[in-house]
N, C-alpha and C. Protein backbone atom coordinates (compact mmCIF):
# COMPACT_ATOMS: atom_id res chain seq x y z
N UNK A 1 0.95 -1.04 -0.09
CA UNK A 1 0.08 0.04 0.14
C UNK A 1 0.95 1.29 0.10
N UNK A 2 0.63 1.99 -1.12
CA UNK A 2 1.61 3.42 -1.39
C UNK A 2 1.72 4.30 -0.04
N UNK A 3 0.59 4.41 0.73
CA UNK A 3 0.46 5.53 1.77
C UNK A 3 1.06 4.90 3.07
N UNK A 4 1.43 3.86 3.14
CA UNK A 4 1.85 3.22 4.53
C UNK A 4 2.84 4.38 5.56
N UNK A 5 3.80 4.66 4.82
CA UNK A 5 4.43 5.93 5.61
C UNK A 5 3.35 6.93 5.93
N UNK A 6 2.63 7.51 5.28
CA UNK A 6 1.86 8.65 5.63
C UNK A 6 0.85 8.15 6.48
N UNK A 7 0.12 6.89 6.46
CA UNK A 7 -0.75 6.42 7.62
C UNK A 7 0.17 6.23 8.78
N UNK A 8 1.24 5.83 8.97
CA UNK A 8 1.85 5.78 10.10
C UNK A 8 2.16 6.90 10.46
N UNK A 9 2.44 8.07 10.03
CA UNK A 9 2.77 9.24 10.51
C UNK A 9 1.50 9.95 11.00
N UNK A 10 0.75 9.73 10.37
CA UNK A 10 -0.45 10.21 11.04
C UNK A 10 -1.29 9.74 12.25
N UNK A 11 -1.15 8.30 12.19
CA UNK A 11 -1.56 7.67 13.47
C UNK A 11 -0.44 7.77 14.62
N UNK A 12 0.74 8.04 14.46
CA UNK A 12 1.58 8.51 15.44
C UNK A 12 1.29 9.61 16.03
N UNK A 13 0.65 10.73 15.75
CA UNK A 13 0.17 12.12 15.93
C UNK A 13 -1.61 12.03 16.24
N UNK A 14 -2.07 10.60 16.38
CA UNK A 14 -3.53 10.70 16.26
C UNK A 14 -4.43 11.73 15.89
N UNK A 15 -4.00 11.37 14.26
CA UNK A 15 -4.90 12.16 13.53
C UNK A 15 -6.38 11.44 12.72
N UNK A 16 -7.16 12.12 12.99
CA UNK A 16 -8.59 11.66 12.10
C UNK A 16 -8.01 12.00 10.90
N UNK A 17 -8.43 10.66 9.92
CA UNK A 17 -8.44 10.91 8.75
C UNK A 17 -9.31 10.00 7.97
N UNK A 18 -9.57 9.90 6.47
CA UNK A 18 -10.23 8.78 5.80
C UNK A 18 -9.58 8.36 4.52
N UNK A 19 -9.72 7.35 4.13
CA UNK A 19 -9.13 6.69 2.88
C UNK A 19 -10.21 6.58 2.26
N UNK A 20 -10.29 7.13 0.83
CA UNK A 20 -11.22 6.66 -0.22
C UNK A 20 -10.62 5.90 -1.38
N UNK A 21 -11.15 4.86 -1.77
CA UNK A 21 -10.74 4.34 -3.05
C UNK A 21 -11.71 4.87 -3.98
N UNK A 22 -11.12 5.18 -5.16
CA UNK A 22 -11.67 5.49 -6.22
C UNK A 22 -11.51 5.01 -7.72
N UNK A 23 -11.83 5.01 -8.92
CA UNK A 23 -11.39 4.56 -10.22
C UNK A 23 -10.47 5.20 -10.54
N UNK A 24 -9.36 4.99 -11.18
CA UNK A 24 -8.26 5.46 -11.67
C UNK A 24 -8.35 6.81 -12.13
N UNK A 25 -8.06 7.94 -11.76
CA UNK A 25 -8.05 9.66 -11.97
C UNK A 25 -6.71 10.08 -11.90
N UNK A 26 -6.46 11.21 -13.04
CA UNK A 26 -5.05 11.65 -13.00
C UNK A 26 -4.93 13.39 -12.60
N UNK A 27 -6.13 13.87 -13.12
CA UNK A 27 -5.95 15.35 -12.54
C UNK A 27 -6.70 15.60 -11.44
N UNK A 28 -6.49 16.68 -10.57
CA UNK A 28 -7.27 16.77 -9.49
C UNK A 28 -8.61 16.62 -9.69
N UNK A 29 -9.26 17.63 -10.78
CA UNK A 29 -10.50 17.89 -11.12
C UNK A 29 -11.02 16.57 -11.15
N UNK A 30 -10.41 15.32 -11.84
CA UNK A 30 -11.10 14.20 -12.41
C UNK A 30 -11.18 13.42 -10.85
N UNK A 31 -10.05 13.59 -10.13
CA UNK A 31 -10.25 12.75 -8.85
C UNK A 31 -11.41 13.43 -7.83
N UNK A 32 -11.60 14.86 -7.76
CA UNK A 32 -12.53 15.15 -7.10
C UNK A 32 -13.88 14.58 -7.56
N UNK A 33 -14.08 14.76 -8.95
CA UNK A 33 -15.39 13.91 -9.41
C UNK A 33 -15.63 12.54 -9.35
N UNK A 34 -14.68 11.82 -9.47
CA UNK A 34 -14.86 10.57 -9.36
C UNK A 34 -14.89 10.04 -7.92
N UNK A 35 -14.37 10.74 -6.89
CA UNK A 35 -14.59 10.58 -5.51
C UNK A 35 -15.68 11.38 -4.84
N UNK A 36 -16.47 11.92 -5.53
CA UNK A 36 -17.32 12.94 -5.12
C UNK A 36 -16.99 13.82 -3.97
N UNK A 37 -15.96 14.75 -4.26
CA UNK A 37 -15.26 15.40 -3.15
C UNK A 37 -15.49 17.06 -3.85
N UNK A 38 -15.73 17.66 -3.18
CA UNK A 38 -15.95 19.27 -3.72
C UNK A 38 -14.43 19.57 -4.38
N UNK A 39 -14.65 20.31 -5.19
CA UNK A 39 -13.41 20.73 -5.94
C UNK A 39 -12.79 21.91 -5.18
N UNK A 40 -13.46 22.58 -3.95
CA UNK A 40 -12.59 23.76 -3.19
C UNK A 40 -11.80 22.76 -2.00
N UNK A 41 -12.47 21.40 -1.66
CA UNK A 41 -11.64 20.80 -0.70
C UNK A 41 -10.74 19.88 -1.43
N UNK A 42 -10.68 19.43 -2.52
CA UNK A 42 -9.62 18.97 -3.43
C UNK A 42 -8.47 19.75 -3.52
N UNK A 43 -7.31 19.14 -3.08
CA UNK A 43 -6.03 19.91 -3.27
C UNK A 43 -5.00 19.22 -4.14
N UNK A 44 -4.28 19.85 -5.13
CA UNK A 44 -3.43 18.89 -5.80
C UNK A 44 -1.92 19.63 -5.19
N UNK A 45 -1.02 18.80 -5.43
CA UNK A 45 0.46 19.09 -5.03
C UNK A 45 1.12 19.24 -6.39
N UNK A 46 2.01 20.37 -6.43
CA UNK A 46 2.85 20.62 -7.78
C UNK A 46 4.18 20.75 -7.32
N UNK A 47 4.89 19.95 -7.94
CA UNK A 47 6.56 20.05 -7.76
C UNK A 47 7.02 21.04 -8.31
N UNK A 48 8.08 22.00 -7.65
CA UNK A 48 8.69 22.87 -8.04
C UNK A 48 9.99 22.67 -7.81
N UNK A 49 10.91 23.28 -8.56
CA UNK A 49 12.44 23.47 -8.07
C UNK A 49 12.56 24.97 -8.05
N UNK A 50 13.09 25.02 -6.64
CA UNK A 50 13.60 26.23 -6.19
C UNK A 50 14.97 26.55 -6.06
N UNK A 51 15.43 27.38 -6.79
CA UNK A 51 17.27 27.19 -6.61
C UNK A 51 18.06 25.91 -6.31
N UNK A 52 17.22 24.98 -7.21
CA UNK A 52 17.85 23.92 -7.34
C UNK A 52 17.38 23.09 -6.44
N UNK A 53 16.24 23.08 -5.75
CA UNK A 53 16.07 22.35 -4.17
C UNK A 53 14.40 21.98 -4.83
N UNK A 54 14.18 20.62 -4.71
CA UNK A 54 12.58 20.42 -4.78
C UNK A 54 11.89 21.14 -3.78
N UNK A 55 10.46 21.25 -4.10
CA UNK A 55 9.64 21.68 -3.02
C UNK A 55 8.33 21.45 -3.44
N UNK A 56 7.23 21.63 -2.56
CA UNK A 56 5.82 20.97 -2.88
C UNK A 56 5.04 22.51 -2.73
N UNK A 57 4.20 22.54 -3.96
CA UNK A 57 3.17 23.79 -3.72
C UNK A 57 1.65 23.29 -3.62
N UNK A 58 1.00 23.50 -2.75
CA UNK A 58 0.04 23.06 -2.45
C UNK A 58 -1.27 24.04 -2.72
N UNK A 59 -2.24 23.44 -3.61
CA UNK A 59 -3.28 24.39 -4.16
C UNK A 59 -4.67 23.92 -4.47
N UNK A 60 -5.67 25.04 -4.08
CA UNK A 60 -7.04 24.20 -4.43
C UNK A 60 -6.90 23.44 -5.88
N UNK A 61 -7.69 22.56 -6.20
CA UNK A 61 -7.54 22.00 -7.51
C UNK A 61 -8.36 22.97 -8.38
N UNK A 62 -8.90 23.83 -8.14
CA UNK A 62 -9.69 24.65 -9.30
C UNK A 62 -8.93 25.87 -9.26
N UNK A 63 -7.43 25.96 -8.84
CA UNK A 63 -6.70 26.95 -9.30
C UNK A 63 -5.29 26.44 -9.74
N UNK A 64 -4.68 27.47 -10.21
CA UNK A 64 -3.28 27.21 -10.88
C UNK A 64 -2.26 28.04 -10.20
N UNK A 65 -1.22 27.50 -10.16
CA UNK A 65 0.27 28.11 -9.52
C UNK A 65 0.51 29.53 -9.88
N UNK A 66 0.74 30.48 -9.64
CA UNK A 66 1.19 31.57 -10.10
C UNK A 66 2.85 31.56 -9.49
N UNK A 67 3.71 31.33 -10.73
CA UNK A 67 5.08 31.17 -10.44
C UNK A 67 5.65 32.56 -10.09
N UNK A 68 5.08 33.72 -10.55
CA UNK A 68 5.66 35.11 -10.10
C UNK A 68 5.61 35.01 -8.55
N UNK A 69 4.14 35.07 -8.34
CA UNK A 69 3.90 35.15 -6.77
C UNK A 69 4.76 34.19 -5.90
N UNK A 70 4.96 32.81 -6.46
CA UNK A 70 6.01 32.01 -5.53
C UNK A 70 7.66 32.57 -5.51
N UNK A 71 7.74 32.94 -6.89
CA UNK A 71 9.27 33.67 -6.90
C UNK A 71 9.45 34.72 -6.06
N UNK A 72 8.36 35.62 -5.98
CA UNK A 72 8.52 36.82 -5.08
C UNK A 72 8.64 36.20 -3.37
N UNK A 73 7.72 35.33 -3.27
CA UNK A 73 7.59 34.83 -1.71
C UNK A 73 9.11 34.32 -1.58
N UNK A 74 9.68 33.48 -2.42
CA UNK A 74 11.07 33.05 -2.10
C UNK A 74 12.24 33.71 -2.28
N UNK A 75 12.03 34.80 -2.93
CA UNK A 75 13.39 35.93 -2.97
C UNK A 75 13.90 35.62 -3.98
N UNK A 76 13.49 34.94 -5.06
CA UNK A 76 14.65 34.26 -6.12
C UNK A 76 14.03 34.18 -7.32
N UNK A 77 14.42 34.26 -8.68
CA UNK A 77 14.06 34.14 -9.51
C UNK A 77 13.98 33.01 -10.32
N UNK A 78 14.73 31.97 -9.63
CA UNK A 78 14.98 30.30 -10.18
C UNK A 78 13.93 29.44 -9.32
N UNK A 79 12.58 29.68 -9.79
CA UNK A 79 11.54 29.05 -9.69
C UNK A 79 10.70 28.15 -10.94
N UNK A 80 10.89 26.89 -11.11
CA UNK A 80 10.10 26.68 -12.31
C UNK A 80 9.39 25.16 -11.77
N UNK A 81 8.64 24.54 -12.73
CA UNK A 81 8.08 23.54 -12.56
C UNK A 81 8.87 22.23 -12.52
N UNK A 82 8.98 21.15 -11.62
CA UNK A 82 9.83 20.40 -11.67
C UNK A 82 9.21 19.48 -12.83
N UNK A 83 10.23 18.76 -13.62
CA UNK A 83 10.18 17.52 -14.32
C UNK A 83 10.20 16.35 -13.53
N UNK A 84 9.55 15.22 -14.10
CA UNK A 84 9.19 13.92 -13.42
C UNK A 84 10.56 13.28 -12.88
N UNK A 85 11.38 13.50 -13.88
CA UNK A 85 12.78 12.61 -13.92
C UNK A 85 13.60 13.41 -12.49
N UNK A 86 13.16 14.77 -11.97
CA UNK A 86 13.61 15.55 -10.94
C UNK A 86 13.05 14.88 -9.64
N UNK A 87 12.01 14.46 -9.57
CA UNK A 87 11.44 13.89 -8.32
C UNK A 87 10.92 12.39 -8.27
N UNK A 88 10.88 11.95 -9.09
CA UNK A 88 10.44 10.31 -9.19
C UNK A 88 11.07 9.64 -8.27
N UNK A 89 12.36 9.89 -7.93
CA UNK A 89 13.16 9.02 -7.35
C UNK A 89 12.77 9.38 -5.56
N UNK A 90 12.44 10.56 -5.41
CA UNK A 90 12.30 10.90 -4.11
C UNK A 90 11.17 10.15 -3.69
N UNK A 91 9.98 9.57 -4.11
CA UNK A 91 8.85 9.00 -3.61
C UNK A 91 8.78 7.66 -3.96
N UNK A 92 9.58 6.72 -3.56
CA UNK A 92 9.56 5.50 -4.30
C UNK A 92 8.52 4.71 -4.24
N UNK A 93 7.49 5.00 -2.88
CA UNK A 93 6.35 4.16 -2.23
C UNK A 93 5.19 5.12 -3.12
N UNK A 94 5.16 5.71 -3.99
CA UNK A 94 4.21 6.35 -4.60
C UNK A 94 4.30 6.55 -6.41
N UNK A 95 2.78 6.53 -6.68
CA UNK A 95 2.79 6.63 -8.18
C UNK A 95 3.27 8.09 -8.33
N UNK A 96 3.78 8.12 -9.84
CA UNK A 96 4.16 9.58 -10.13
C UNK A 96 3.08 10.45 -10.36
N UNK A 97 2.94 11.43 -9.65
CA UNK A 97 2.12 12.63 -9.65
C UNK A 97 1.05 12.31 -8.77
N UNK A 98 1.41 11.55 -7.85
CA UNK A 98 0.07 10.86 -6.68
C UNK A 98 0.46 11.02 -5.33
N UNK A 99 2.00 11.87 -5.23
CA UNK A 99 2.39 12.24 -4.15
C UNK A 99 1.61 12.90 -2.84
N UNK A 100 1.66 12.47 -1.49
CA UNK A 100 0.74 13.58 -0.57
C UNK A 100 1.62 14.52 -0.27
N UNK A 101 1.09 15.46 0.13
CA UNK A 101 1.72 16.80 0.16
C UNK A 101 2.42 16.90 1.69
N UNK A 102 2.86 16.04 1.79
CA UNK A 102 3.79 16.23 3.55
C UNK A 102 5.44 16.10 2.80
N UNK A 103 5.70 17.58 2.50
CA UNK A 103 7.07 17.56 2.47
C UNK A 103 8.03 17.43 3.50
N UNK A 104 7.52 17.60 4.41
CA UNK A 104 8.22 17.36 5.90
C UNK A 104 8.52 15.61 5.97
N UNK A 105 7.93 14.85 5.22
CA UNK A 105 8.21 13.64 5.21
C UNK A 105 9.22 13.03 4.29
N UNK A 106 9.68 13.99 3.48
CA UNK A 106 10.63 13.87 2.14
C UNK A 106 11.91 14.91 2.31
N UNK A 107 11.69 15.42 3.33
CA UNK A 107 12.59 16.65 3.65
C UNK A 107 12.66 17.84 2.67
N UNK A 108 11.45 18.31 2.48
CA UNK A 108 11.10 19.50 1.31
C UNK A 108 10.47 20.24 1.94
N UNK A 109 10.18 21.56 1.58
CA UNK A 109 9.26 22.83 2.10
C UNK A 109 8.10 22.67 1.34
N UNK A 110 7.10 22.86 2.13
CA UNK A 110 5.59 22.99 1.35
C UNK A 110 5.30 24.63 1.41
N UNK A 111 4.70 24.85 0.13
CA UNK A 111 3.99 26.33 0.28
C UNK A 111 2.71 25.85 -0.03
N UNK A 112 1.61 26.26 0.67
CA UNK A 112 0.41 26.20 0.73
C UNK A 112 -0.37 27.45 0.06
N UNK A 113 -1.25 27.34 -0.68
CA UNK A 113 -2.09 28.99 -1.06
C UNK A 113 -3.15 29.10 0.19
N UNK A 114 -2.92 30.37 0.34
CA UNK A 114 -3.72 30.75 1.50
C UNK A 114 -5.28 30.97 1.15
N UNK A 115 -5.76 30.53 0.12
CA UNK A 115 -7.09 29.97 -0.15
C UNK A 115 -7.49 28.78 0.61
N UNK A 116 -6.35 27.99 1.00
CA UNK A 116 -6.96 26.68 1.79
C UNK A 116 -7.23 26.82 3.02
N UNK A 117 -7.05 28.54 3.56
CA UNK A 117 -7.26 28.54 5.13
C UNK A 117 -8.60 28.40 4.99
N UNK A 118 -9.48 28.78 3.98
CA UNK A 118 -11.04 28.75 3.95
C UNK A 118 -11.76 27.21 4.20
N UNK A 119 -10.82 26.25 4.01
CA UNK A 119 -11.25 24.88 4.13
C UNK A 119 -11.61 24.19 5.42
N UNK A 120 -12.28 23.51 5.78
CA UNK A 120 -12.33 22.54 7.17
C UNK A 120 -11.45 21.60 6.87
N UNK A 121 -11.95 20.93 5.94
CA UNK A 121 -11.08 19.64 5.43
C UNK A 121 -10.36 19.75 4.02
N UNK A 122 -9.51 18.95 3.82
CA UNK A 122 -8.78 18.88 2.70
C UNK A 122 -8.67 17.31 2.01
N UNK A 123 -8.75 17.10 0.85
CA UNK A 123 -8.60 15.85 0.27
C UNK A 123 -7.22 15.68 -0.64
N UNK A 124 -6.46 14.87 -0.91
CA UNK A 124 -5.40 14.73 -1.75
C UNK A 124 -5.03 13.39 -1.96
N UNK A 125 -4.30 13.52 -3.11
CA UNK A 125 -3.82 11.69 -3.81
C UNK A 125 -2.82 11.24 -2.23
N UNK A 126 -3.09 10.07 -1.99
CA UNK A 126 -2.45 9.56 -1.12
C UNK A 126 -1.36 8.25 -1.48
N UNK A 127 -0.58 8.75 -2.81
CA UNK A 127 0.21 7.67 -3.14
C UNK A 127 -0.25 6.94 -4.11
N UNK A 128 -1.38 6.99 -4.70
CA UNK A 128 -1.83 6.14 -5.70
C UNK A 128 -2.92 7.08 -6.50
N UNK A 129 -2.78 6.67 -7.83
CA UNK A 129 -4.00 7.62 -8.55
C UNK A 129 -5.53 6.74 -8.40
N UNK A 130 -5.73 5.90 -7.40
CA UNK A 130 -6.91 5.25 -6.98
C UNK A 130 -7.24 5.70 -5.37
N UNK A 131 -6.22 6.19 -4.81
CA UNK A 131 -6.63 6.45 -3.35
C UNK A 131 -6.50 7.97 -3.06
N UNK A 132 -7.71 8.48 -1.96
CA UNK A 132 -7.54 9.66 -1.76
C UNK A 132 -7.58 9.81 -0.23
N UNK A 133 -6.97 10.83 0.36
CA UNK A 133 -6.93 10.80 2.04
C UNK A 133 -7.89 12.09 2.12
N UNK A 134 -8.53 12.21 3.16
CA UNK A 134 -9.37 13.45 3.71
C UNK A 134 -8.87 13.47 5.13
N UNK A 135 -8.35 14.66 5.29
CA UNK A 135 -8.29 15.15 6.73
C UNK A 135 -8.63 16.68 7.04
N UNK A 136 -8.53 16.81 8.45
CA UNK A 136 -8.68 18.37 8.77
C UNK A 136 -7.64 19.41 8.01
N UNK A 137 -7.71 20.42 7.68
CA UNK A 137 -7.00 21.42 7.39
C UNK A 137 -5.82 21.97 8.37
N UNK A 138 -6.70 22.16 9.72
CA UNK A 138 -5.83 22.57 10.67
C UNK A 138 -4.77 21.42 10.98
N UNK A 139 -5.38 20.16 10.97
CA UNK A 139 -4.37 19.40 11.37
C UNK A 139 -3.04 19.24 10.45
N UNK A 140 -3.63 19.24 9.19
CA UNK A 140 -2.58 19.13 8.24
C UNK A 140 -1.50 20.63 8.21
N UNK A 141 -2.02 21.60 8.73
CA UNK A 141 -1.22 22.76 8.94
C UNK A 141 -0.03 22.45 10.04
N UNK A 142 -0.68 21.95 11.13
CA UNK A 142 -0.01 21.53 12.33
C UNK A 142 1.37 20.65 11.93
N UNK A 143 0.62 19.43 10.84
CA UNK A 143 1.95 18.75 10.93
C UNK A 143 2.81 18.82 9.74
N UNK A 144 2.32 19.46 8.62
CA UNK A 144 3.22 19.95 7.72
C UNK A 144 4.10 21.13 7.53
N UNK A 145 3.54 21.91 8.64
CA UNK A 145 4.20 23.20 8.74
C UNK A 145 4.35 23.92 7.25
N UNK A 146 3.21 24.09 6.54
CA UNK A 146 3.36 24.84 5.16
C UNK A 146 3.81 26.22 5.36
N UNK A 147 4.46 27.27 4.50
CA UNK A 147 4.36 28.52 4.40
C UNK A 147 3.05 28.59 3.62
N UNK A 148 2.40 29.22 4.27
CA UNK A 148 1.05 29.69 3.64
C UNK A 148 1.18 31.42 2.95
N UNK A 149 0.86 31.38 1.86
CA UNK A 149 0.79 32.65 1.19
C UNK A 149 -0.12 32.38 0.08
N UNK A 150 -0.60 33.74 -0.73
CA UNK A 150 -1.13 33.74 -1.88
C UNK A 150 -0.23 33.26 -3.26
N UNK A 151 -0.14 32.30 -3.47
CA UNK A 151 0.38 31.44 -4.63
C UNK A 151 -0.23 31.28 -5.55
N UNK A 152 -1.40 31.21 -6.16
CA UNK A 152 -2.28 30.78 -6.81
C UNK A 152 -3.05 31.83 -7.81
N UNK A 153 -3.59 31.43 -8.86
CA UNK A 153 -4.78 32.03 -9.47
C UNK A 153 -5.80 31.32 -9.95
N UNK A 154 -7.30 32.13 -10.30
CA UNK A 154 -8.10 30.92 -10.71
C UNK A 154 -7.78 30.53 -12.05
N UNK A 155 -8.30 29.53 -12.32
CA UNK A 155 -8.33 28.92 -13.41
C UNK A 155 -9.20 29.58 -14.82
């Protein structure tokens, strides 16, 4: 099961969460529809390269990353979308594109869009394109310690 590491981490912190199985889906919008999760609660993890370091950007499924805002936040011009080859080895237990947004489990920073602060719960890929995990946003913030800032724009 691809999410063993994540489940052990959440269980060790006594976090309440739910895991849903759904038919294979690859975009955040498809997953939300397949799993009957509101597009507002569904989040996507975008892998970025910041000054040569891998990082995660967490956004509502209905929004897209604004690279200029992330560059300003990080104080660098060197921010770009990461290529799969750059990060696939970092998540050996996960399917490519289905990594859970817990950068702290993989020694990387997480930047979360401030729009997520409006959510009570969030749902995200749990290591496979057929598994979704739902948990409280406040619990997520406490455990993952993301940098929260305006980093997205509407689609």
